[in-house]
């Protein structure tokens, strides 16, 4: 039981770390101050989420994941960000971020299908709600920036 819970949490840590890297890249690539602030805040949220999950893994006696992976970044869609945004519009950057958040939503939804102890389920559920809010905020901004193009 604990091994499966640790694996689920480590997968979410990887997802969070990849999101942190992706949002940092997005912040570097936009010239828009509003978006830079948003992306940096999202990167911080991802880092905080990962740290919280790492603490839970350690409490369970596991070895916490401490970085995102190339495979995870590819899976999350973030590696496309650098190539996709160079010289591209803010709407394009937001589209790449939304794609990354789509993958995070799916990974959190899958994690919540697992048998998790109640205290851990509560943390994962709370973080999932944050992922949903982030996704919707990015989507709404993308729509706004797309309409302005």
Foldseek 3Di string as FASTA:
>chain_A
DLVVLLVLLLLLLLLLQLLLVLLCLLLVLDPDPVSVVLSNVSSVLSVVLSVVSCVVNVVSVHHHNDHHDPVSNVQLQRVCLVVQRHVHDNLSNLVSSLSSLVSSLVSLVVSLVDDDPPVVNVSSVVVSVVSVVSNVVSVVVSVVRVVVD
